[in-house]
Amino acid sequence: MTQSRLMSLVEAITNVAVGYILAIVTQIVVFPWFGFEATLDEHLTIGLVFVAVSLARGYLLRRLFERLRVANRLGDHGGHAEPVQTRR
């Protein structure tokens, strides 16, 4: 069974949303350890930049691996011919 592009996007969005919440909490805890002070608005904005990057990364990697899985199932090995099996 293959995953549709829409479901790939839904999965990536869900993954990123959970990651966003964790990132904000982590920033709030960790930034002060390094002497960085940020307002909640700044934390949210910084998090959104990383959300955009993470969403694109997750979706593109999912599609790449889906393409590789389908290509392997169909016997397409990137233009490399498989040795012909002969019966003896």
N, C-alpha and C. Protein backbone atom coordinates (compact mmCIF):
# COMPACT_ATOMS: atom_id res chain seq x y z
N MET A 1 0.84 -1.17 0.00
CA MET A 1 0.00 0.00 0.00
C MET A 1 0.90 1.25 0.00
N THR A 2 0.54 2.22 -0.80
CA THR A 2 1.33 3.44 -0.86
C THR A 2 0.65 4.54 -0.06
N GLN A 3 1.44 5.49 0.36
CA GLN A 3 0.90 6.63 1.08
C GLN A 3 0.68 7.76 0.07
N SER A 4 -0.50 8.35 0.11
CA SER A 4 -0.79 9.44 -0.83
C SER A 4 0.02 10.67 -0.46
N ARG A 5 0.13 11.58 -1.41
CA ARG A 5 0.83 12.84 -1.15
C ARG A 5 0.13 13.63 -0.04
N LEU A 6 -1.20 13.59 -0.05
CA LEU A 6 -1.96 14.30 0.98
C LEU A 6 -1.67 13.74 2.37
N MET A 7 -1.66 12.42 2.48
CA MET A 7 -1.38 11.82 3.79
C MET A 7 0.07 12.06 4.19
N SER A 8 0.99 12.13 3.24
CA SER A 8 2.37 12.49 3.55
C SER A 8 2.41 13.89 4.15
N LEU A 9 1.64 14.80 3.58
CA LEU A 9 1.59 16.16 4.08
C LEU A 9 0.95 16.21 5.46
N VAL A 10 -0.14 15.48 5.66
CA VAL A 10 -0.80 15.44 6.97
C VAL A 10 0.16 14.90 8.03
N GLU A 11 0.87 13.83 7.70
CA GLU A 11 1.83 13.26 8.65
C GLU A 11 2.93 14.26 8.98
N ALA A 12 3.46 14.93 7.96
CA ALA A 12 4.53 15.90 8.18
C ALA A 12 4.03 17.07 9.03
N ILE A 13 2.82 17.54 8.77
CA ILE A 13 2.27 18.66 9.56
C ILE A 13 2.09 18.26 11.02
N THR A 14 1.56 17.07 11.26
CA THR A 14 1.38 16.58 12.62
C THR A 14 2.72 16.47 13.34
N ASN A 15 3.69 15.91 12.65
CA ASN A 15 5.03 15.75 13.22
C ASN A 15 5.62 17.11 13.56
N VAL A 16 5.47 18.06 12.67
CA VAL A 16 6.03 19.40 12.88
C VAL A 16 5.29 20.13 14.00
N ALA A 17 3.97 19.98 14.08
CA ALA A 17 3.21 20.65 15.13
C ALA A 17 3.66 20.20 16.51
N VAL A 18 3.82 18.90 16.67
CA VAL A 18 4.31 18.37 17.95
C VAL A 18 5.73 18.87 18.21
N GLY A 19 6.55 18.85 17.16
CA GLY A 19 7.92 19.36 17.29
C GLY A 19 7.96 20.83 17.64
N TYR A 20 7.03 21.60 17.09
CA TYR A 20 6.98 23.05 17.37
C TYR A 20 6.73 23.30 18.86
N ILE A 21 5.77 22.61 19.40
CA ILE A 21 5.45 22.77 20.83
C ILE A 21 6.66 22.40 21.68
N LEU A 22 7.29 21.27 21.35
CA LEU A 22 8.48 20.85 22.09
C LEU A 22 9.62 21.86 21.93
N ALA A 23 9.77 22.41 20.73
CA ALA A 23 10.84 23.38 20.49
C ALA A 23 10.64 24.64 21.32
N ILE A 24 9.41 25.14 21.39
CA ILE A 24 9.14 26.35 22.16
C ILE A 24 9.46 26.12 23.63
N VAL A 25 8.99 25.01 24.17
CA VAL A 25 9.27 24.69 25.57
C VAL A 25 10.77 24.55 25.80
N THR A 26 11.45 23.87 24.87
CA THR A 26 12.90 23.69 24.99
C THR A 26 13.63 25.03 24.93
N GLN A 27 13.23 25.90 24.01
CA GLN A 27 13.85 27.22 23.91
C GLN A 27 13.69 28.00 25.20
N ILE A 28 12.49 27.99 25.76
CA ILE A 28 12.21 28.73 26.98
C ILE A 28 13.11 28.24 28.12
N VAL A 29 13.36 26.94 28.16
CA VAL A 29 14.19 26.37 29.22
C VAL A 29 15.68 26.57 28.93
N VAL A 30 16.11 26.32 27.68
CA VAL A 30 17.54 26.27 27.36
C VAL A 30 18.16 27.64 27.09
N PHE A 31 17.44 28.54 26.44
CA PHE A 31 18.02 29.85 26.10
C PHE A 31 18.66 30.54 27.30
N PRO A 32 17.99 30.59 28.45
CA PRO A 32 18.62 31.27 29.60
C PRO A 32 19.93 30.62 30.06
N TRP A 33 20.10 29.33 29.84
CA TRP A 33 21.34 28.66 30.22
C TRP A 33 22.53 29.25 29.47
N PHE A 34 22.27 29.78 28.26
CA PHE A 34 23.32 30.35 27.43
C PHE A 34 23.30 31.87 27.41
N GLY A 35 22.52 32.45 28.30
CA GLY A 35 22.47 33.89 28.40
C GLY A 35 21.60 34.58 27.36
N PHE A 36 20.78 33.84 26.65
CA PHE A 36 19.88 34.43 25.67
C PHE A 36 18.54 34.74 26.33
N GLU A 37 18.11 35.95 26.17
CA GLU A 37 16.80 36.35 26.67
C GLU A 37 15.89 36.60 25.48
N ALA A 38 14.71 36.05 25.50
CA ALA A 38 13.75 36.24 24.41
C ALA A 38 12.35 36.33 24.99
N THR A 39 11.54 37.14 24.37
CA THR A 39 10.13 37.23 24.77
C THR A 39 9.39 36.03 24.20
N LEU A 40 8.18 35.82 24.68
CA LEU A 40 7.37 34.71 24.15
C LEU A 40 7.14 34.90 22.66
N ASP A 41 6.88 36.14 22.23
CA ASP A 41 6.68 36.41 20.79
C ASP A 41 7.93 36.04 19.99
N GLU A 42 9.09 36.35 20.51
CA GLU A 42 10.34 35.99 19.81
C GLU A 42 10.53 34.48 19.75
N HIS A 43 10.21 33.80 20.84
CA HIS A 43 10.28 32.33 20.83
C HIS A 43 9.35 31.75 19.77
N LEU A 44 8.14 32.28 19.71
CA LEU A 44 7.17 31.77 18.73
C LEU A 44 7.63 32.03 17.31
N THR A 45 8.22 33.20 17.06
CA THR A 45 8.70 33.54 15.72
C THR A 45 9.89 32.68 15.33
N ILE A 46 10.83 32.51 16.23
CA ILE A 46 11.98 31.64 15.97
C ILE A 46 11.48 30.23 15.66
N GLY A 47 10.53 29.77 16.45
CA GLY A 47 9.96 28.44 16.24
C GLY A 47 9.31 28.30 14.87
N LEU A 48 8.63 29.36 14.40
CA LEU A 48 7.98 29.29 13.09
C LEU A 48 8.98 29.14 11.95
N VAL A 49 10.13 29.78 12.08
CA VAL A 49 11.16 29.63 11.05
C VAL A 49 11.59 28.17 10.97
N PHE A 50 11.81 27.57 12.14
CA PHE A 50 12.21 26.17 12.15
C PHE A 50 11.08 25.24 11.71
N VAL A 51 9.84 25.62 11.98
CA VAL A 51 8.70 24.83 11.52
C VAL A 51 8.69 24.76 10.00
N ALA A 52 8.89 25.90 9.34
CA ALA A 52 8.88 25.92 7.87
C ALA A 52 9.95 25.00 7.31
N VAL A 53 11.15 25.08 7.87
CA VAL A 53 12.25 24.23 7.40
C VAL A 53 11.94 22.76 7.68
N SER A 54 11.46 22.48 8.87
CA SER A 54 11.17 21.10 9.26
C SER A 54 10.03 20.50 8.43
N LEU A 55 9.01 21.28 8.16
CA LEU A 55 7.90 20.80 7.35
C LEU A 55 8.35 20.44 5.94
N ALA A 56 9.13 21.31 5.34
CA ALA A 56 9.65 21.04 4.00
C ALA A 56 10.54 19.80 4.01
N ARG A 57 11.42 19.72 4.98
CA ARG A 57 12.31 18.57 5.09
C ARG A 57 11.54 17.28 5.25
N GLY A 58 10.58 17.25 6.17
CA GLY A 58 9.81 16.03 6.42
C GLY A 58 9.02 15.57 5.20
N TYR A 59 8.38 16.52 4.54
CA TYR A 59 7.58 16.17 3.37
C TYR A 59 8.46 15.68 2.23
N LEU A 60 9.55 16.38 1.95
CA LEU A 60 10.42 15.99 0.83
C LEU A 60 11.11 14.65 1.09
N LEU A 61 11.53 14.42 2.31
CA LEU A 61 12.14 13.12 2.61
C LEU A 61 11.12 11.99 2.50
N ARG A 62 9.90 12.23 2.97
CA ARG A 62 8.86 11.22 2.86
C ARG A 62 8.60 10.87 1.40
N ARG A 63 8.49 11.89 0.54
CA ARG A 63 8.24 11.65 -0.88
C ARG A 63 9.42 10.94 -1.53
N LEU A 64 10.65 11.31 -1.15
CA LEU A 64 11.84 10.64 -1.70
C LEU A 64 11.82 9.16 -1.35
N PHE A 65 11.57 8.85 -0.09
CA PHE A 65 11.58 7.45 0.32
C PHE A 65 10.41 6.68 -0.29
N GLU A 66 9.28 7.35 -0.48
CA GLU A 66 8.15 6.68 -1.15
C GLU A 66 8.52 6.39 -2.60
N ARG A 67 9.18 7.33 -3.27
CA ARG A 67 9.61 7.11 -4.65
C ARG A 67 10.61 5.95 -4.72
N LEU A 68 11.54 5.91 -3.79
CA LEU A 68 12.52 4.81 -3.77
C LEU A 68 11.84 3.47 -3.52
N ARG A 69 10.85 3.45 -2.62
CA ARG A 69 10.15 2.21 -2.32
C ARG A 69 9.40 1.71 -3.55
N VAL A 70 8.71 2.61 -4.22
CA VAL A 70 7.95 2.21 -5.42
C VAL A 70 8.91 1.78 -6.53
N ALA A 71 10.01 2.50 -6.71
CA ALA A 71 10.98 2.14 -7.75
C ALA A 71 11.56 0.75 -7.48
N ASN A 72 11.86 0.45 -6.24
CA ASN A 72 12.40 -0.87 -5.90
C ASN A 72 11.36 -1.96 -6.12
N ARG A 73 10.12 -1.65 -5.80
CA ARG A 73 9.06 -2.64 -6.00
C ARG A 73 8.86 -2.93 -7.48
N LEU A 74 9.02 -1.91 -8.31
CA LEU A 74 8.81 -2.08 -9.75
C LEU A 74 10.05 -2.61 -10.45
N GLY A 75 11.14 -2.75 -9.71
CA GLY A 75 12.36 -3.27 -10.32
C GLY A 75 13.20 -2.22 -11.00
N ASP A 76 12.85 -0.94 -10.83
CA ASP A 76 13.64 0.15 -11.41
C ASP A 76 14.80 0.43 -10.46
N HIS A 77 15.99 0.23 -10.95
CA HIS A 77 17.17 0.43 -10.11
C HIS A 77 17.99 1.61 -10.59
N GLY A 78 17.32 2.69 -10.89
CA GLY A 78 18.00 3.92 -11.26
C GLY A 78 18.77 3.83 -12.56
N GLY A 79 18.29 3.07 -13.50
CA GLY A 79 18.97 2.97 -14.78
C GLY A 79 20.03 1.88 -14.84
N HIS A 80 20.25 1.21 -13.72
CA HIS A 80 21.24 0.13 -13.70
C HIS A 80 20.52 -1.18 -14.02
N ALA A 81 21.01 -1.86 -15.01
CA ALA A 81 20.38 -3.10 -15.42
C ALA A 81 20.72 -4.21 -14.43
N GLU A 82 19.72 -5.03 -14.16
CA GLU A 82 19.94 -6.20 -13.33
C GLU A 82 20.45 -7.32 -14.20
N PRO A 83 21.33 -8.14 -13.68
CA PRO A 83 21.80 -9.29 -14.46
C PRO A 83 20.61 -10.20 -14.82
N VAL A 84 20.64 -10.68 -16.01
CA VAL A 84 19.56 -11.56 -16.48
C VAL A 84 19.80 -12.95 -15.86
N GLN A 85 18.74 -13.47 -15.25
CA GLN A 85 18.81 -14.81 -14.65
C GLN A 85 18.48 -15.83 -15.72
N THR A 86 19.36 -16.78 -15.93
CA THR A 86 19.09 -17.84 -16.89
C THR A 86 18.82 -19.13 -16.15
N ARG A 87 17.91 -19.92 -16.71
CA ARG A 87 17.60 -21.22 -16.10
C ARG A 87 18.56 -22.26 -16.63
N ARG A 88 18.94 -23.12 -15.80
CA ARG A 88 19.82 -24.23 -16.20
C ARG A 88 19.14 -25.53 -15.99
